[in-house]
C-alpha atoms as a PDB file:
ATOM      1  CA  MET A   1     123.623  57.336 101.843  1.00  0.00           C
ATOM      2  CA  LYS A   2     124.544  57.363 105.488  1.00  0.00           C
ATOM      3  CA  GLU A   3     121.889  59.046 107.621  1.00  0.00           C
ATOM      4  CA  THR A   4     122.973  62.273 109.295  1.00  0.00           C
ATOM      5  CA  THR A   5     122.597  61.999 113.082  1.00  0.00           C
ATOM      6  CA  ARG A   6     122.413  64.489 115.909  1.00  0.00           C
ATOM      7  CA  ASN A   7     125.885  63.425 116.987  1.00  0.00           C
ATOM      8  CA  GLU A   8     127.528  64.148 113.656  1.00  0.00           C
ATOM      9  CA  ILE A   9     131.051  65.487 114.120  1.00  0.00           C
ATOM     10  CA  VAL A  10     131.639  68.878 112.552  1.00  0.00           C
ATOM     11  CA  ARG A  11     134.836  70.838 112.110  1.00  0.00           C
ATOM     12  CA  LEU A  12     134.805  74.549 112.767  1.00  0.00           C
ATOM     13  CA  HIS A  13     137.470  77.166 112.249  1.00  0.00           C
ATOM     14  CA  TYR A  14     137.691  80.138 114.563  1.00  0.00           C
ATOM     15  CA  SER A  15     140.568  82.611 114.315  1.00  0.00           C
ATOM     16  CA  GLY A  16     142.704  80.093 112.481  1.00  0.00           C
ATOM     17  CA  ALA A  17     142.287  77.373 115.111  1.00  0.00           C
ATOM     18  CA  SER A  18     140.545  74.079 114.382  1.00  0.00           C
ATOM     19  CA  HIS A  19     138.102  72.547 116.851  1.00  0.00           C
ATOM     20  CA  ARG A  20     135.931  69.451 117.004  1.00  0.00           C
ATOM     21  CA  ALA A  21     132.440  69.579 118.413  1.00  0.00           C
ATOM     22  CA  ILE A  22     129.127  67.753 118.451  1.00  0.00           C
ATOM     23  CA  ALA A  23     126.546  69.446 116.211  1.00  0.00           C
ATOM     24  CA  ILE A  24     123.751  69.352 118.789  1.00  0.00           C
ATOM     25  CA  ASP A  25     126.072  70.845 121.404  1.00  0.00           C
ATOM     26  CA  LEU A  26     126.957  73.690 119.093  1.00  0.00           C
ATOM     27  CA  PHE A  27     123.304  74.343 118.431  1.00  0.00           C
ATOM     28  CA  GLU A  28     122.532  74.612 122.148  1.00  0.00           C
ATOM     29  CA  GLU A  29     125.502  76.949 122.570  1.00  0.00           C
ATOM     30  CA  GLU A  30     124.497  79.250 119.720  1.00  0.00           C
ATOM     31  CA  LYS A  31     120.727  79.073 120.242  1.00  0.00           C
ATOM     32  CA  PRO A  32     120.531  82.191 122.481  1.00  0.00           C
ATOM     33  CA  HIS A  33     122.237  84.222 119.738  1.00  0.00           C
ATOM     34  CA  LEU A  34     120.022  83.121 116.840  1.00  0.00           C
ATOM     35  CA  LEU A  35     117.547  85.620 115.403  1.00  0.00           C
ATOM     36  CA  ALA A  36     113.858  84.836 115.234  1.00  0.00           C
ATOM     37  CA  LEU A  37     112.122  84.606 111.882  1.00  0.00           C
ATOM     38  CA  PRO A  38     110.286  87.785 110.790  1.00  0.00           C
ATOM     39  CA  THR A  39     106.783  88.119 112.214  1.00  0.00           C
ATOM     40  CA  HIS A  40     105.541  89.246 108.789  1.00  0.00           C
ATOM     41  CA  ALA A  41     106.143  87.596 105.438  1.00  0.00           C
ATOM     42  CA  TYR A  42     108.750  89.155 103.156  1.00  0.00           C
ATOM     43  CA  ASP A  43     107.311  91.775 100.808  1.00  0.00           C
ATOM     44  CA  THR A  44     107.848  90.428  97.303  1.00  0.00           C
ATOM     45  CA  ALA A  45     105.719  93.090  95.596  1.00  0.00           C
ATOM     46  CA  ARG A  46     107.075  94.712  92.458  1.00  0.00           C
ATOM     47  CA  VAL A  47     107.652  98.471  92.694  1.00  0.00           C
ATOM     48  CA  LEU A  48     107.725 100.624  89.558  1.00  0.00           C
ATOM     49  CA  TYR A  49     106.857 104.098  88.278  1.00  0.00           C
ATOM     50  CA  ARG A  50     104.077 105.052  85.896  1.00  0.00           C
ATOM     51  CA  THR A  51     102.947 108.385  84.382  1.00  0.00           C
ATOM     52  CA  VAL A  52      99.196 109.044  84.572  1.00  0.00           C
ATOM     53  CA  ASP A  53      97.676 109.241  81.082  1.00  0.00           C
ATOM     54  CA  PRO A  54      95.167 111.899  79.895  1.00  0.00           C
ATOM     55  CA  GLU A  55      92.269 109.631  80.914  1.00  0.00           C
ATOM     56  CA  GLY A  56      93.513 109.470  84.517  1.00  0.00           C
ATOM     57  CA  HIS A  57      94.867 105.900  84.418  1.00  0.00           C
ATOM     58  CA  ILE A  58      98.220 104.198  84.852  1.00  0.00           C
ATOM     59  CA  ALA A  59      99.131 101.236  82.653  1.00  0.00           C
ATOM     60  CA  TYR A  60     100.405  97.868  83.816  1.00  0.00           C
ATOM     61  CA  LEU A  61     100.754  94.840  81.525  1.00  0.00           C
ATOM     62  CA  GLN A  62      98.480  96.450  78.911  1.00  0.00           C
ATOM     63  CA  ASN A  63      95.663  97.051  81.384  1.00  0.00           C
ATOM     64  CA  PHE A  64      94.667 100.371  82.934  1.00  0.00           C
ATOM     65  CA  TYR A  65      93.908 101.394  86.521  1.00  0.00           C
ATOM     66  CA  SER A  66      92.402 104.738  87.532  1.00  0.00           C
ATOM     67  CA  VAL A  67      93.866 107.299  89.916  1.00  0.00           C
ATOM     68  CA  PRO A  68      92.432 110.666  91.043  1.00  0.00           C
ATOM     69  CA  TRP A  69      92.138 112.852  87.917  1.00  0.00           C
ATOM     70  CA  GLN A  70      94.242 115.600  89.534  1.00  0.00           C
ATOM     71  CA  ARG A  71      97.289 113.364  88.985  1.00  0.00           C
ATOM     72  CA  ILE A  72      97.149 113.465  85.162  1.00  0.00           C
ATOM     73  CA  GLY A  73     100.681 113.799  83.779  1.00  0.00           C
ATOM     74  CA  GLU A  74     102.389 112.973  87.108  1.00  0.00           C
ATOM     75  CA  LEU A  75     104.928 110.206  87.594  1.00  0.00           C
ATOM     76  CA  LEU A  76     103.751 108.027  90.491  1.00  0.00           C
ATOM     77  CA  PRO A  77     105.161 105.037  92.370  1.00  0.00           C
ATOM     78  CA  VAL A  78     103.155 101.839  91.880  1.00  0.00           C
ATOM     79  CA  ARG A  79     103.295  98.662  93.959  1.00  0.00           C
ATOM     80  CA  VAL A  80     102.073  95.417  92.382  1.00  0.00           C
ATOM     81  CA  THR A  81     101.335  92.386  94.561  1.00  0.00           C
ATOM     82  CA  GLU A  82      99.933  88.997  93.581  1.00  0.00           C
ATOM     83  CA  ASN A  83      96.381  90.342  93.630  1.00  0.00           C
ATOM     84  CA  GLU A  84      96.474  94.135  93.721  1.00  0.00           C
ATOM     85  CA  VAL A  85      97.797  97.288  92.064  1.00  0.00           C
ATOM     86  CA  ILE A  86      98.449 100.036  94.614  1.00  0.00           C
ATOM     87  CA  VAL A  87      99.278 103.579  93.509  1.00  0.00           C
ATOM     88  CA  TYR A  88     100.956 106.184  95.723  1.00  0.00           C
ATOM     89  CA  GLY A  89     101.218 109.965  95.528  1.00  0.00           C
ATOM     90  CA  PRO A  90     104.499 111.931  95.496  1.00  0.00           C
ATOM     91  CA  ASP A  91     104.389 111.877  99.323  1.00  0.00           C
ATOM     92  CA  VAL A  92     104.226 108.041  99.168  1.00  0.00           C
ATOM     93  CA  LYS A  93     100.688 107.976 100.563  1.00  0.00           C
ATOM     94  CA  GLN A  94      98.244 105.561  98.975  1.00  0.00           C
ATOM     95  CA  ILE A  95      95.852 107.226  96.518  1.00  0.00           C
ATOM     96  CA  ALA A  96      94.406 104.221  94.650  1.00  0.00           C
ATOM     97  CA  ARG A  97      94.014 100.455  95.077  1.00  0.00           C
ATOM     98  CA  HIS A  98      92.676  98.032  92.473  1.00  0.00           C
ATOM     99  CA  GLU A  99      92.305  94.310  92.015  1.00  0.00           C
ATOM    100  CA  LEU A 100      94.965  93.105  89.583  1.00  0.00           C
ATOM    101  CA  TYR A 101      93.678  91.679  86.306  1.00  0.00           C
ATOM    102  CA  PRO A 102      94.539  87.967  85.847  1.00  0.00           C
ATOM    103  CA  SER A 103      97.548  87.062  83.727  1.00  0.00           C
ATOM    104  CA  GLY A 104      96.698  87.012  80.035  1.00  0.00           C
ATOM    105  CA  THR A 105      94.055  89.743  80.291  1.00  0.00           C
ATOM    106  CA  ILE A 106      94.807  92.834  78.181  1.00  0.00           C
ATOM    107  CA  GLY A 107      93.085  96.058  77.193  1.00  0.00           C
ATOM    108  CA  GLN A 108      90.850  96.235  80.283  1.00  0.00           C
ATOM    109  CA  ARG A 109      90.185  99.219  82.563  1.00  0.00           C
ATOM    110  CA  ARG A 110      89.364  99.508  86.226  1.00  0.00           C
ATOM    111  CA  THR A 111      87.874 102.923  86.972  1.00  0.00           C
ATOM    112  CA  LEU A 112      86.571 104.136  90.313  1.00  0.00           C
ATOM    113  CA  PRO A 113      83.850 106.828  90.221  1.00  0.00           C
ATOM    114  CA  ALA A 114      85.625 108.747  92.992  1.00  0.00           C
ATOM    115  CA  HIS A 115      88.598 109.293  90.674  1.00  0.00           C
ATOM    116  CA  ALA A 116      86.549 111.206  88.071  1.00  0.00           C
ATOM    117  CA  PRO A 117      86.515 115.045  88.079  1.00  0.00           C
ATOM    118  CA  GLY A 118      82.867 115.207  89.078  1.00  0.00           C
ATOM    119  CA  ARG A 119      80.579 118.155  88.406  1.00  0.00           C
ATOM    120  CA  ASP A 120      82.443 120.753  90.455  1.00  0.00           C
ATOM    121  CA  HIS A 121      83.845 122.757  87.532  1.00  0.00           C
ATOM    122  CA  HIS A 122      85.338 125.418  89.795  1.00  0.00           C
ATOM    123  CA  GLN A 123      87.367 122.809  91.705  1.00  0.00           C
ATOM    124  CA  LYS A 124      88.547 121.260  88.447  1.00  0.00           C
ATOM    125  CA  ARG A 125      89.665 124.636  87.152  1.00  0.00           C
ATOM    126  CA  GLU A 126      91.573 125.413  90.349  1.00  0.00           C
ATOM    127  CA  MET A 127      93.395 122.087  90.273  1.00  0.00           C
ATOM    128  CA  LEU A 128      94.345 122.491  86.617  1.00  0.00           C
ATOM    129  CA  ALA A 129      95.542 126.038  87.293  1.00  0.00           C
ATOM    130  CA  GLN A 130      97.862 124.715  89.999  1.00  0.00           C
ATOM    131  CA  ARG A 131      99.299 122.124  87.631  1.00  0.00           C
ATOM    132  CA  PHE A 132      99.980 124.659  84.863  1.00  0.00           C
ATOM    133  CA  ALA A 133     101.549 127.034  87.387  1.00  0.00           C
ATOM    134  CA  GLU A 134     104.278 124.409  87.781  1.00  0.00           C
ATOM    135  CA  PHE A 135     105.395 125.281  84.215  1.00  0.00           C
ATOM    136  CA  GLY A 136     106.018 128.930  85.079  1.00  0.00           C
ATOM    137  CA  PRO A 137     104.358 132.201  83.958  1.00  0.00           C
ATOM    138  CA  GLU A 138     103.915 131.021  80.371  1.00  0.00           C
ATOM    139  CA  GLY A 139     102.146 127.902  81.614  1.00  0.00           C
ATOM    140  CA  VAL A 140      99.687 130.041  83.588  1.00  0.00           C
ATOM    141  CA  ARG A 141      99.024 132.307  80.598  1.00  0.00           C
ATOM    142  CA  PHE A 142      98.554 129.362  78.253  1.00  0.00           C
ATOM    143  CA  PHE A 143      95.991 127.804  80.574  1.00  0.00           C
ATOM    144  CA  GLU A 144      94.014 131.036  80.985  1.00  0.00           C
ATOM    145  CA  GLU A 145      93.962 131.728  77.249  1.00  0.00           C
ATOM    146  CA  LEU A 146      93.082 128.105  76.507  1.00  0.00           C
ATOM    147  CA  LEU A 147      89.947 128.413  78.628  1.00  0.00           C
ATOM    148  CA  ARG A 148      88.956 131.591  76.790  1.00  0.00           C
ATOM    149  CA  ALA A 149      89.660 130.239  73.302  1.00  0.00           C
ATOM    150  CA  ARG A 150      88.329 126.691  73.499  1.00  0.00           C
ATOM    151  CA  ARG A 151      84.863 125.485  74.393  1.00  0.00           C
ATOM    152  CA  ASN A 152      86.223 122.363  76.124  1.00  0.00           C
ATOM    153  CA  GLY A 153      89.296 124.111  77.479  1.00  0.00           C
ATOM    154  CA  LYS A 154      89.523 122.161  80.730  1.00  0.00           C
ATOM    155  CA  ASP A 155      89.426 118.843  78.888  1.00  0.00           C
ATOM    156  CA  GLU A 156      92.132 120.023  76.494  1.00  0.00           C
ATOM    157  CA  ALA A 157      94.206 121.196  79.457  1.00  0.00           C
ATOM    158  CA  GLY A 158      94.096 117.664  80.824  1.00  0.00           C
ATOM    159  CA  ARG A 159      95.244 116.297  77.474  1.00  0.00           C
ATOM    160  CA  VAL A 160      98.138 118.772  77.456  1.00  0.00           C
ATOM    161  CA  LEU A 161      99.242 117.448  80.845  1.00  0.00           C
ATOM    162  CA  GLY A 162      98.936 113.950  79.418  1.00  0.00           C
ATOM    163  CA  LEU A 163     101.703 114.795  76.916  1.00  0.00           C
ATOM    164  CA  LEU A 164     104.112 114.325  79.821  1.00  0.00           C
ATOM    165  CA  THR A 165     103.700 110.586  79.297  1.00  0.00           C
ATOM    166  CA  VAL A 166     105.517 110.978  75.964  1.00  0.00           C
ATOM    167  CA  TYR A 167     107.750 114.060  76.199  1.00  0.00           C
ATOM    168  CA  HIS A 168     110.160 115.526  78.722  1.00  0.00           C
ATOM    169  CA  ARG A 169     108.858 118.226  81.037  1.00  0.00           C
ATOM    170  CA  GLU A 170     111.361 120.803  79.730  1.00  0.00           C
ATOM    171  CA  ASP A 171     110.199 120.105  76.164  1.00  0.00           C
ATOM    172  CA  LEU A 172     106.589 120.707  77.160  1.00  0.00           C
ATOM    173  CA  VAL A 173     107.553 123.973  78.868  1.00  0.00           C
ATOM    174  CA  ARG A 174     109.259 125.191  75.678  1.00  0.00           C
ATOM    175  CA  ALA A 175     106.249 124.118  73.606  1.00  0.00           C
ATOM    176  CA  LEU A 176     103.914 126.115  75.869  1.00  0.00           C
ATOM    177  CA  GLU A 177     106.163 129.152  75.577  1.00  0.00           C
ATOM    178  CA  ARG A 178     106.087 128.882  71.780  1.00  0.00           C
ATOM    179  CA  ALA A 179     102.323 128.391  71.762  1.00  0.00           C
ATOM    180  CA  VAL A 180     101.882 131.556  73.825  1.00  0.00           C
ATOM    181  CA  ARG A 181     104.218 133.497  71.528  1.00  0.00           C
ATOM    182  CA  TYR A 182     102.180 132.577  68.457  1.00  0.00           C
ATOM    183  CA  ARG A 183      98.836 132.596  70.298  1.00  0.00           C
ATOM    184  CA  ALA A 184      98.196 128.947  69.480  1.00  0.00           C
ATOM    185  CA  PHE A 185      96.013 128.068  72.432  1.00  0.00           C
ATOM    186  CA  SER A 186      94.951 124.461  71.892  1.00  0.00           C
ATOM    187  CA  TRP A 187      96.060 120.956  72.731  1.00  0.00           C
ATOM    188  CA  SER A 188      96.579 120.108  69.055  1.00  0.00           C
ATOM    189  CA  ALA A 189      98.882 123.097  68.593  1.00  0.00           C
ATOM    190  CA  VAL A 190     101.085 122.039  71.510  1.00  0.00           C
ATOM    191  CA  GLU A 191     101.172 118.483  70.198  1.00  0.00           C
ATOM    192  CA  ARG A 192     102.288 119.696  66.745  1.00  0.00           C
ATOM    193  CA  ILE A 193     105.023 121.849  68.275  1.00  0.00           C
ATOM    194  CA  LEU A 194     106.334 118.910  70.270  1.00  0.00           C
ATOM    195  CA  ALA A 195     106.193 116.586  67.258  1.00  0.00           C
ATOM    196  CA  ALA A 196     108.249 119.070  65.240  1.00  0.00           C
ATOM    197  CA  GLN A 197     110.785 120.162  67.835  1.00  0.00           C
ATOM    198  CA  ALA A 198     111.044 117.519  70.571  1.00  0.00           C
ATOM    199  CA  LYS A 199     112.072 113.895  70.718  1.00  0.00           C
ATOM    200  CA  PRO A 200     109.723 111.448  72.478  1.00  0.00           C
ATOM    201  CA  ARG A 201     111.412 109.770  75.379  1.00  0.00           C
ATOM    202  CA  SER A 202     111.994 106.041  75.419  1.00  0.00           C
ATOM    203  CA  ALA A 203     110.520 103.681  77.990  1.00  0.00           C
ATOM    204  CA  MET A 204     113.955 103.397  79.614  1.00  0.00           C
ATOM    205  CA  GLU A 205     114.214 107.157  79.960  1.00  0.00           C
ATOM    206  CA  ALA A 206     110.781 107.247  81.554  1.00  0.00           C
ATOM    207  CA  LEU A 207     112.001 104.811  84.212  1.00  0.00           C
ATOM    208  CA  VAL A 208     115.488 106.175  84.787  1.00  0.00           C
ATOM    209  CA  ILE A 209     115.266 109.941  84.311  1.00  0.00           C
ATOM    210  CA  ASP A 210     111.807 110.624  85.726  1.00  0.00           C
ATOM    211  CA  ALA A 211     112.221 108.176  88.593  1.00  0.00           C
ATOM    212  CA  ARG A 212     115.450 109.926  89.570  1.00  0.00           C
ATOM    213  CA  GLU A 213     113.670 113.297  89.530  1.00  0.00           C
ATOM    214  CA  GLN A 214     110.881 111.883  91.680  1.00  0.00           C
ATOM    215  CA  LEU A 215     113.321 110.404  94.208  1.00  0.00           C
ATOM    216  CA  ASP A 216     115.289 113.651  94.353  1.00  0.00           C
ATOM    217  CA  GLU A 217     112.094 115.528  95.193  1.00  0.00           C
ATOM    218  CA  ILE A 218     111.252 113.074  97.980  1.00  0.00           C
ATOM    219  CA  LEU A 219     114.771 113.346  99.403  1.00  0.00           C
ATOM    220  CA  ARG A 220     114.536 117.140  99.406  1.00  0.00           C
ATOM    221  CA  GLN A 221     111.344 116.910 101.421  1.00  0.00           C
ATOM    222  CA  THR A 222     112.880 114.649 104.086  1.00  0.00           C
ATOM    223  CA  PRO A 223     116.594 115.580 104.423  1.00  0.00           C
ATOM    224  CA  LEU A 224     118.815 113.276 106.449  1.00  0.00           C
ATOM    225  CA  GLU A 225     120.908 114.852 109.188  1.00  0.00           C
ATOM    226  CA  PRO A 226     124.559 113.713 109.530  1.00  0.00           C
ATOM    227  CA  ARG A 227     125.129 111.308 112.402  1.00  0.00           C
ATOM    228  CA  SER A 228     127.491 112.250 115.198  1.00  0.00           C
ATOM    229  CA  THR A 229     130.839 110.423 115.239  1.00  0.00           C
ATOM    230  CA  ALA A 230     130.171 109.587 118.897  1.00  0.00           C
ATOM    231  CA  ASP A 231     127.540 107.094 117.705  1.00  0.00           C
ATOM    232  CA  TYR A 232     130.317 104.980 116.178  1.00  0.00           C
ATOM    233  CA  GLN A 233     132.595 104.923 119.232  1.00  0.00           C
ATOM    234  CA  ALA A 234     131.127 101.679 120.569  1.00  0.00           C
ATOM    235  CA  LEU A 235     131.917  99.928 117.282  1.00  0.00           C
ATOM    236  CA  LEU A 236     135.532 101.076 117.419  1.00  0.00           C
ATOM    237  CA  GLU A 237     135.918  99.842 120.984  1.00  0.00           C
ATOM    238  CA  LYS A 238     134.519  96.444 120.013  1.00  0.00           C
ATOM    239  CA  THR A 239     137.059  96.183 117.192  1.00  0.00           C
ATOM    240  CA  ASP A 240     139.912  96.957 119.597  1.00  0.00           C
ATOM    241  CA  ASP A 241     138.742  94.190 121.957  1.00  0.00           C
ATOM    242  CA  GLU A 242     138.611  91.659 119.118  1.00  0.00           C
ATOM    243  CA  GLU A 243     142.142  92.543 118.007  1.00  0.00           C
ATOM    244  CA  SER A 244     143.458  92.117 121.560  1.00  0.00           C
ATOM    245  CA  HIS A 245     142.166  88.516 121.624  1.00  0.00           C
ATOM    246  CA  GLU A 246     143.690  87.509 118.310  1.00  0.00           C
ATOM    247  CA  GLY A 247     147.096  86.988 119.884  1.00  0.00           C
ATOM    248  CA  GLU A 248     145.824  84.657 122.603  1.00  0.00           C
ATOM    249  CA  ASP A 249     146.878  80.977 122.446  1.00  0.00           C
ATOM    250  CA  HIS A 250     143.984  78.746 121.466  1.00  0.00           C
ATOM    251  CA  GLY A 251     146.018  75.597 121.968  1.00  0.00           C
ATOM    252  CA  PRO A 252     147.512  73.222 119.411  1.00  0.00           C
ATOM    253  CA  ASP A 253     145.457  72.323 116.353  1.00  0.00           C
ATOM    254  CA  ASP A 254     143.886  68.892 116.300  1.00  0.00           C
ATOM    255  CA  SER A 255     145.063  67.498 112.978  1.00  0.00           C
ATOM    256  CA  THR A 256     142.932  64.367 113.252  1.00  0.00           C
ATOM    257  CA  ALA A 257     139.465  64.251 111.795  1.00  0.00           C
END
């Protein structure tokens, strides 16, 4: 194969006209307009969404990574790099970082002590109360009656939130309303109601529907203002200049190669 040299002749086409030029000359001409390579490597991390289970973990490739227990039942964005699993809150601030288990490892858990509820029972109750308030008045009443009726009420409350990993939020709200109506204040009662009246969501629904809800919430928090049309005027003027040069004579085409 003939070796390519610096003086290789190349044929370029600009505005319908054909020109001959030396490759190295073209490079020197275009060099000031070339963009530098990025200063940082491209981010090839995988981004996905996971719902926090009743034990306060998110699952990835059949392994489990802890997050702060207050996030039980929430859908959170997760970023997976070559070596780490990074979990973010609804405000896209990092809340957990773990070393990624090697490929082929399954059924393992990484749990940080700081993610556990701790011994502050009052704080745990307040956080759970806030989560159940998101379900409306019946959610608040269910939580209060659950604590009165069950010895391990706070633990059962966490398991109720964990049902969001399987069922739609609106189904859980209806189940809580029914449980309040019949005074069935326990996690097992809510689970039975859901099993009888609701349809578990598929993995695809968990990704598509819940992710859309999460993104909508983020967009509502940071609305984008419409841009003024004056910002586009420079682009329109540039287009007019380009059109004015199209009719200029570039000389006869060189038909020889």
